[in-house]
Amino acid sequence: MSVGTPDPDPSGSSSRPNPGTEPNSALEPNSAWLSDLELADIRRRMPILYVEAVPVRLDGSGQVTEVGILLRGNEWGKITRTLVSGRVMYGETLRHALYRHLEKDLGPMAFPQLPPSPVPFSVAEYFPIPGFSGYTDDRQHAVALAYVVPVTGTCEPRQDALEITWMTPDEASSQDVHDDLEGGRGTLLRTALASVGVLGRP
C-alpha cells in the first residue's frame, strides 16, 4: 500500500508524461520536483516526509458530525479507502503542503480550515517491511504528520481519488472501515477521532 496520491505539477505544465510522475528536473533546474528515477533513488536512501489529513464537517458548536474518507484505485487496480495525503516538497511549509494536498484531493471548492498550529494529532511512520510499525508503504520509509481539518465547501475529488464518502464518527470507527483503509490508516483514523473526542460517537 502506498502513502498518498500523485502530486499535481505546480507549474501547471501540460508536458507531464503520466499521472504520478514529475517534471524532468533537467528541464526545470529550480524545481523541487524529481524525476521518477531520482525519487526512486531517494526513497532507497532516506525517509520521505508526508502530511496526511482527515477532512471533517462541524456543527455550529464545533463538534465533528461527519468524517470524509476517500475511495481510490491503487496501482494494482484495487479499490481502497484512504485519507488525504502527499509529500512535503523542498522549501515548502507544512501548512502549504497540507493546503496543496487538500485542494488536490478534494478540489478547489472544499475550503479547508487549516489549524493555527502546525502540531499534528499524530505522527505515523510507514515502513516497506511489515512488523516495524502498524503502518506500511511498499515503496519507502515515510514519516507522515497527521491533521484533522474541517472543510466548509463542496468536495469534488480529483486526481486518482474516485469519490469521498462522508460518514458519522460511529461509522468511521467501525471495523469494516478500519479494515478497508490502506497501509494501516484505520488505526490513524481512530486516533484522529479520539483526538477530537468523537471515537465511536453516533
C-alpha atoms as a PDB file:
ATOM      1  CA  MET A   1       0.000   0.000   0.000  1.00  0.00           C
ATOM      2  CA  SER A   2       1.326   3.428  -0.842  1.00  0.00           C
ATOM      3  CA  VAL A   3       1.181   6.710   1.016  1.00  0.00           C
ATOM      4  CA  GLY A   4      -0.714   9.394  -0.824  1.00  0.00           C
ATOM      5  CA  THR A   5      -1.944  10.110  -4.300  1.00  0.00           C
ATOM      6  CA  PRO A   6       0.058  11.582  -7.196  1.00  0.00           C
ATOM      7  CA  ASP A   7       1.048  15.227  -6.770  1.00  0.00           C
ATOM      8  CA  PRO A   8      -0.051  17.689  -9.446  1.00  0.00           C
ATOM      9  CA  ASP A   9       2.596  19.679 -11.320  1.00  0.00           C
ATOM     10  CA  PRO A  10       2.538  23.088  -9.559  1.00  0.00           C
ATOM     11  CA  SER A  11       3.709  24.791 -12.745  1.00  0.00           C
ATOM     12  CA  GLY A  12       0.533  23.670 -14.497  1.00  0.00           C
ATOM     13  CA  SER A  13       2.638  22.239 -17.315  1.00  0.00           C
ATOM     14  CA  SER A  14       0.796  20.027 -19.773  1.00  0.00           C
ATOM     15  CA  SER A  15       4.020  18.238 -20.673  1.00  0.00           C
ATOM     16  CA  ARG A  16       3.823  15.933 -17.686  1.00  0.00           C
ATOM     17  CA  PRO A  17       4.000  12.436 -19.217  1.00  0.00           C
ATOM     18  CA  ASN A  18       1.978  10.261 -16.821  1.00  0.00           C
ATOM     19  CA  PRO A  19      -0.028  10.622 -13.598  1.00  0.00           C
ATOM     20  CA  GLY A  20       2.221  10.034 -10.611  1.00  0.00           C
ATOM     21  CA  THR A  21       5.371  11.174 -12.393  1.00  0.00           C
ATOM     22  CA  GLU A  22       7.106  14.512 -12.016  1.00  0.00           C
ATOM     23  CA  PRO A  23       8.584  17.058 -14.442  1.00  0.00           C
ATOM     24  CA  ASN A  24      12.123  16.452 -15.641  1.00  0.00           C
ATOM     25  CA  SER A  25      14.371  18.361 -13.235  1.00  0.00           C
ATOM     26  CA  ALA A  26      16.867  18.861 -16.085  1.00  0.00           C
ATOM     27  CA  LEU A  27      14.219  20.946 -17.841  1.00  0.00           C
ATOM     28  CA  GLU A  28      13.305  22.808 -14.651  1.00  0.00           C
ATOM     29  CA  PRO A  29      16.617  23.348 -12.815  1.00  0.00           C
ATOM     30  CA  ASN A  30      14.997  25.357  -9.995  1.00  0.00           C
ATOM     31  CA  SER A  31      12.122  22.922  -9.464  1.00  0.00           C
ATOM     32  CA  ALA A  32      11.738  20.938  -6.259  1.00  0.00           C
ATOM     33  CA  TRP A  33      10.104  18.178  -8.311  1.00  0.00           C
ATOM     34  CA  LEU A  34      12.021  14.998  -9.070  1.00  0.00           C
ATOM     35  CA  SER A  35      12.098  12.595 -11.971  1.00  0.00           C
ATOM     36  CA  ASP A  36      10.845   9.067 -11.300  1.00  0.00           C
ATOM     37  CA  LEU A  37      14.433   7.772 -11.194  1.00  0.00           C
ATOM     38  CA  GLU A  38      15.558  10.473  -8.766  1.00  0.00           C
ATOM     39  CA  LEU A  39      12.583   9.860  -6.498  1.00  0.00           C
ATOM     40  CA  ALA A  40      13.124   6.090  -6.537  1.00  0.00           C
ATOM     41  CA  ASP A  41      16.801   6.578  -5.649  1.00  0.00           C
ATOM     42  CA  ILE A  42      15.982   8.917  -2.731  1.00  0.00           C
ATOM     43  CA  ARG A  43      13.323   6.505  -1.450  1.00  0.00           C
ATOM     44  CA  ARG A  44      16.001   3.814  -1.172  1.00  0.00           C
ATOM     45  CA  ARG A  45      18.264   6.077   0.875  1.00  0.00           C
ATOM     46  CA  MET A  46      16.212   8.161   3.306  1.00  0.00           C
ATOM     47  CA  PRO A  47      12.759   8.671   4.851  1.00  0.00           C
ATOM     48  CA  ILE A  48      10.307  10.895   2.968  1.00  0.00           C
ATOM     49  CA  LEU A  49       8.170  13.488   4.804  1.00  0.00           C
ATOM     50  CA  TYR A  50       4.406  13.480   4.207  1.00  0.00           C
ATOM     51  CA  VAL A  51       1.330  15.237   5.530  1.00  0.00           C
ATOM     52  CA  GLU A  52      -1.998  13.442   5.956  1.00  0.00           C
ATOM     53  CA  ALA A  53      -5.400  14.919   6.657  1.00  0.00           C
ATOM     54  CA  VAL A  54      -8.742  13.656   7.925  1.00  0.00           C
ATOM     55  CA  PRO A  55     -11.371  16.031   6.475  1.00  0.00           C
ATOM     56  CA  VAL A  56     -14.339  16.641   8.772  1.00  0.00           C
ATOM     57  CA  ARG A  57     -17.523  18.690   8.916  1.00  0.00           C
ATOM     58  CA  LEU A  58     -18.538  20.512  12.094  1.00  0.00           C
ATOM     59  CA  ASP A  59     -21.827  21.633  13.599  1.00  0.00           C
ATOM     60  CA  GLY A  60     -22.403  25.115  14.997  1.00  0.00           C
ATOM     61  CA  SER A  61     -20.753  24.217  18.294  1.00  0.00           C
ATOM     62  CA  GLY A  62     -17.564  22.930  16.654  1.00  0.00           C
ATOM     63  CA  GLN A  63     -18.407  19.258  17.177  1.00  0.00           C
ATOM     64  CA  VAL A  64     -17.371  16.820  14.435  1.00  0.00           C
ATOM     65  CA  THR A  65     -20.507  15.467  12.736  1.00  0.00           C
ATOM     66  CA  GLU A  66     -19.055  13.863   9.590  1.00  0.00           C
ATOM     67  CA  VAL A  67     -15.752  12.354   8.536  1.00  0.00           C
ATOM     68  CA  GLY A  68     -14.611  12.242   4.901  1.00  0.00           C
ATOM     69  CA  ILE A  69     -12.817   9.160   3.578  1.00  0.00           C
ATOM     70  CA  LEU A  70     -11.512   8.885   0.015  1.00  0.00           C
ATOM     71  CA  LEU A  71     -12.103   5.996  -2.332  1.00  0.00           C
ATOM     72  CA  ARG A  72      -9.400   5.426  -4.917  1.00  0.00           C
ATOM     73  CA  GLY A  73      -7.818   2.815  -7.156  1.00  0.00           C
ATOM     74  CA  ASN A  74      -4.262   1.808  -6.348  1.00  0.00           C
ATOM     75  CA  GLU A  75      -1.521   0.919  -8.825  1.00  0.00           C
ATOM     76  CA  TRP A  76      -2.683  -2.727  -8.914  1.00  0.00           C
ATOM     77  CA  GLY A  77      -6.246  -1.759  -9.829  1.00  0.00           C
ATOM     78  CA  LYS A  78      -7.694  -2.493  -6.416  1.00  0.00           C
ATOM     79  CA  ILE A  79     -10.267  -0.060  -4.974  1.00  0.00           C
ATOM     80  CA  THR A  80      -9.330   1.001  -1.442  1.00  0.00           C
ATOM     81  CA  ARG A  81     -10.200   3.649   1.118  1.00  0.00           C
ATOM     82  CA  THR A  82      -7.594   6.195   2.129  1.00  0.00           C
ATOM     83  CA  LEU A  83      -7.022   9.642   3.610  1.00  0.00           C
ATOM     84  CA  VAL A  84      -5.804  12.868   2.043  1.00  0.00           C
ATOM     85  CA  SER A  85      -2.020  12.647   1.897  1.00  0.00           C
ATOM     86  CA  GLY A  86       1.086  13.612  -0.028  1.00  0.00           C
ATOM     87  CA  ARG A  87       4.723  14.637   0.137  1.00  0.00           C
ATOM     88  CA  VAL A  88       6.130  17.847   1.556  1.00  0.00           C
ATOM     89  CA  MET A  89       8.277  19.489  -1.097  1.00  0.00           C
ATOM     90  CA  TYR A  90      11.695  21.056  -0.574  1.00  0.00           C
ATOM     91  CA  GLY A  91      11.256  24.644   0.647  1.00  0.00           C
ATOM     92  CA  GLU A  92       7.538  24.156   1.345  1.00  0.00           C
ATOM     93  CA  THR A  93       5.934  24.860   4.729  1.00  0.00           C
ATOM     94  CA  LEU A  94       3.778  22.208   6.370  1.00  0.00           C
ATOM     95  CA  ARG A  95       0.750  24.491   6.097  1.00  0.00           C
ATOM     96  CA  HIS A  96       1.272  24.996   2.369  1.00  0.00           C
ATOM     97  CA  ALA A  97       1.785  21.270   1.790  1.00  0.00           C
ATOM     98  CA  LEU A  98      -1.365  20.460   3.753  1.00  0.00           C
ATOM     99  CA  TYR A  99      -3.431  23.007   1.814  1.00  0.00           C
ATOM    100  CA  ARG A 100      -1.999  21.830  -1.528  1.00  0.00           C
ATOM    101  CA  HIS A 101      -2.913  18.198  -0.922  1.00  0.00           C
ATOM    102  CA  LEU A 102      -6.370  19.020   0.421  1.00  0.00           C
ATOM    103  CA  GLU A 103      -7.061  21.021  -2.742  1.00  0.00           C
ATOM    104  CA  LYS A 104      -5.532  18.283  -4.902  1.00  0.00           C
ATOM    105  CA  ASP A 105      -7.690  15.514  -3.410  1.00  0.00           C
ATOM    106  CA  LEU A 106     -10.898  17.411  -2.527  1.00  0.00           C
ATOM    107  CA  GLY A 107     -10.999  20.095  -5.212  1.00  0.00           C
ATOM    108  CA  PRO A 108     -10.594  23.891  -5.079  1.00  0.00           C
ATOM    109  CA  MET A 109     -14.036  24.499  -3.548  1.00  0.00           C
ATOM    110  CA  ALA A 110     -13.513  22.407  -0.388  1.00  0.00           C
ATOM    111  CA  PHE A 111     -12.408  25.494   1.598  1.00  0.00           C
ATOM    112  CA  PRO A 112     -10.331  23.700   4.272  1.00  0.00           C
ATOM    113  CA  GLN A 113      -9.859  25.470   7.598  1.00  0.00           C
ATOM    114  CA  LEU A 114      -6.215  24.815   8.403  1.00  0.00           C
ATOM    115  CA  PRO A 115      -5.256  24.525  12.061  1.00  0.00           C
ATOM    116  CA  PRO A 116      -3.500  27.575  13.556  1.00  0.00           C
ATOM    117  CA  SER A 117      -0.725  25.332  14.890  1.00  0.00           C
ATOM    118  CA  PRO A 118       1.442  23.016  12.758  1.00  0.00           C
ATOM    119  CA  VAL A 119       1.458  20.437  15.568  1.00  0.00           C
ATOM    120  CA  PRO A 120      -0.169  17.193  14.281  1.00  0.00           C
ATOM    121  CA  PHE A 121      -2.504  14.956  16.287  1.00  0.00           C
ATOM    122  CA  SER A 122      -0.200  12.036  15.460  1.00  0.00           C
ATOM    123  CA  VAL A 123       2.981  11.052  13.616  1.00  0.00           C
ATOM    124  CA  ALA A 124       2.695   7.875  11.532  1.00  0.00           C
ATOM    125  CA  GLU A 125       5.864   6.092  10.453  1.00  0.00           C
ATOM    126  CA  TYR A 126       5.420   3.883   7.372  1.00  0.00           C
ATOM    127  CA  PHE A 127       7.885   1.089   6.566  1.00  0.00           C
ATOM    128  CA  PRO A 128       8.198  -1.072   3.436  1.00  0.00           C
ATOM    129  CA  ILE A 129       8.668  -4.157   5.618  1.00  0.00           C
ATOM    130  CA  PRO A 130       5.732  -5.190   7.849  1.00  0.00           C
ATOM    131  CA  GLY A 131       6.410  -5.527  11.559  1.00  0.00           C
ATOM    132  CA  PHE A 132       8.312  -2.316  12.268  1.00  0.00           C
ATOM    133  CA  SER A 133       5.099  -0.380  12.977  1.00  0.00           C
ATOM    134  CA  GLY A 134       1.375  -0.595  12.316  1.00  0.00           C
ATOM    135  CA  TYR A 135       1.815   1.380   9.082  1.00  0.00           C
ATOM    136  CA  THR A 136       3.199   0.047   5.806  1.00  0.00           C
ATOM    137  CA  ASP A 137       4.172   1.501   2.427  1.00  0.00           C
ATOM    138  CA  ASP A 138       5.630  -0.907  -0.117  1.00  0.00           C
ATOM    139  CA  ARG A 139       7.707   1.815  -1.795  1.00  0.00           C
ATOM    140  CA  GLN A 140       9.507   3.536   1.036  1.00  0.00           C
ATOM    141  CA  HIS A 141      10.135   4.554   4.611  1.00  0.00           C
ATOM    142  CA  ALA A 142       7.832   7.564   5.092  1.00  0.00           C
ATOM    143  CA  VAL A 143       7.052   9.777   8.078  1.00  0.00           C
ATOM    144  CA  ALA A 144       3.614  11.410   7.982  1.00  0.00           C
ATOM    145  CA  LEU A 145       2.358  14.285  10.134  1.00  0.00           C
ATOM    146  CA  ALA A 146      -1.400  13.814  10.506  1.00  0.00           C
ATOM    147  CA  TYR A 147      -4.065  16.506  10.987  1.00  0.00           C
ATOM    148  CA  VAL A 148      -7.834  16.770  11.422  1.00  0.00           C
ATOM    149  CA  VAL A 149      -9.003  19.531   9.061  1.00  0.00           C
ATOM    150  CA  PRO A 150     -12.558  20.957   8.911  1.00  0.00           C
ATOM    151  CA  VAL A 151     -13.858  21.711   5.421  1.00  0.00           C
ATOM    152  CA  THR A 152     -16.755  24.067   4.743  1.00  0.00           C
ATOM    153  CA  GLY A 153     -17.191  23.912   0.973  1.00  0.00           C
ATOM    154  CA  THR A 154     -18.090  21.401  -1.720  1.00  0.00           C
ATOM    155  CA  CYS A 155     -15.713  18.472  -2.075  1.00  0.00           C
ATOM    156  CA  GLU A 156     -15.206  17.108  -5.586  1.00  0.00           C
ATOM    157  CA  PRO A 157     -12.341  14.600  -5.529  1.00  0.00           C
ATOM    158  CA  ARG A 158      -9.902  14.661  -8.421  1.00  0.00           C
ATOM    159  CA  GLN A 159      -6.560  13.155  -9.463  1.00  0.00           C
ATOM    160  CA  ASP A 160      -6.888   9.420  -8.709  1.00  0.00           C
ATOM    161  CA  ALA A 161      -9.411   9.881  -5.889  1.00  0.00           C
ATOM    162  CA  LEU A 162     -12.706   8.459  -7.168  1.00  0.00           C
ATOM    163  CA  GLU A 163     -15.054   9.868  -4.542  1.00  0.00           C
ATOM    164  CA  ILE A 164     -15.301  10.998  -0.961  1.00  0.00           C
ATOM    165  CA  THR A 165     -17.645   9.209   1.440  1.00  0.00           C
ATOM    166  CA  TRP A 166     -18.999  11.165   4.403  1.00  0.00           C
ATOM    167  CA  MET A 167     -19.649   9.075   7.496  1.00  0.00           C
ATOM    168  CA  THR A 168     -20.708   9.679  11.058  1.00  0.00           C
ATOM    169  CA  PRO A 169     -17.900   9.265  13.592  1.00  0.00           C
ATOM    170  CA  ASP A 170     -19.512   5.978  14.677  1.00  0.00           C
ATOM    171  CA  GLU A 171     -19.494   4.640  11.105  1.00  0.00           C
ATOM    172  CA  ALA A 172     -15.915   5.798  10.579  1.00  0.00           C
ATOM    173  CA  SER A 173     -14.905   3.996  13.793  1.00  0.00           C
ATOM    174  CA  SER A 174     -16.263   0.644  12.597  1.00  0.00           C
ATOM    175  CA  GLN A 175     -14.116  -2.425  11.997  1.00  0.00           C
ATOM    176  CA  ASP A 176     -15.205  -2.641   8.357  1.00  0.00           C
ATOM    177  CA  VAL A 177     -13.898   0.858   7.624  1.00  0.00           C
ATOM    178  CA  HIS A 178     -10.751   0.136   9.644  1.00  0.00           C
ATOM    179  CA  ASP A 179     -10.038  -2.937   7.515  1.00  0.00           C
ATOM    180  CA  ASP A 180     -10.737  -1.135   4.222  1.00  0.00           C
ATOM    181  CA  LEU A 181      -8.212   1.652   4.840  1.00  0.00           C
ATOM    182  CA  GLU A 182      -4.836   1.011   3.201  1.00  0.00           C
ATOM    183  CA  GLY A 183      -1.458   0.881   4.882  1.00  0.00           C
ATOM    184  CA  GLY A 184      -2.798   0.722   8.449  1.00  0.00           C
ATOM    185  CA  ARG A 185      -4.658   4.015   8.200  1.00  0.00           C
ATOM    186  CA  GLY A 186      -7.614   2.537  10.058  1.00  0.00           C
ATOM    187  CA  THR A 187      -5.590   2.994  13.231  1.00  0.00           C
ATOM    188  CA  LEU A 188      -4.664   6.539  12.213  1.00  0.00           C
ATOM    189  CA  LEU A 189      -8.329   7.383  11.581  1.00  0.00           C
ATOM    190  CA  ARG A 190      -9.366   6.087  15.006  1.00  0.00           C
ATOM    191  CA  THR A 191      -6.577   8.131  16.577  1.00  0.00           C
ATOM    192  CA  ALA A 192      -7.902  11.198  14.730  1.00  0.00           C
ATOM    193  CA  LEU A 193     -11.432  10.609  16.015  1.00  0.00           C
ATOM    194  CA  ALA A 194     -10.158  10.101  19.554  1.00  0.00           C
ATOM    195  CA  SER A 195      -8.146  13.345  19.348  1.00  0.00           C
ATOM    196  CA  VAL A 196     -11.345  15.342  18.760  1.00  0.00           C
ATOM    197  CA  GLY A 197     -13.435  13.344  21.251  1.00  0.00           C
ATOM    198  CA  VAL A 198     -15.755  11.524  18.825  1.00  0.00           C
ATOM    199  CA  LEU A 199     -14.337   7.991  18.604  1.00  0.00           C
ATOM    200  CA  GLY A 200     -17.357   5.680  18.279  1.00  0.00           C
ATOM    201  CA  ARG A 201     -19.801   8.529  18.707  1.00  0.00           C
ATOM    202  CA  PRO A 202     -23.085   8.443  16.702  1.00  0.00           C
END
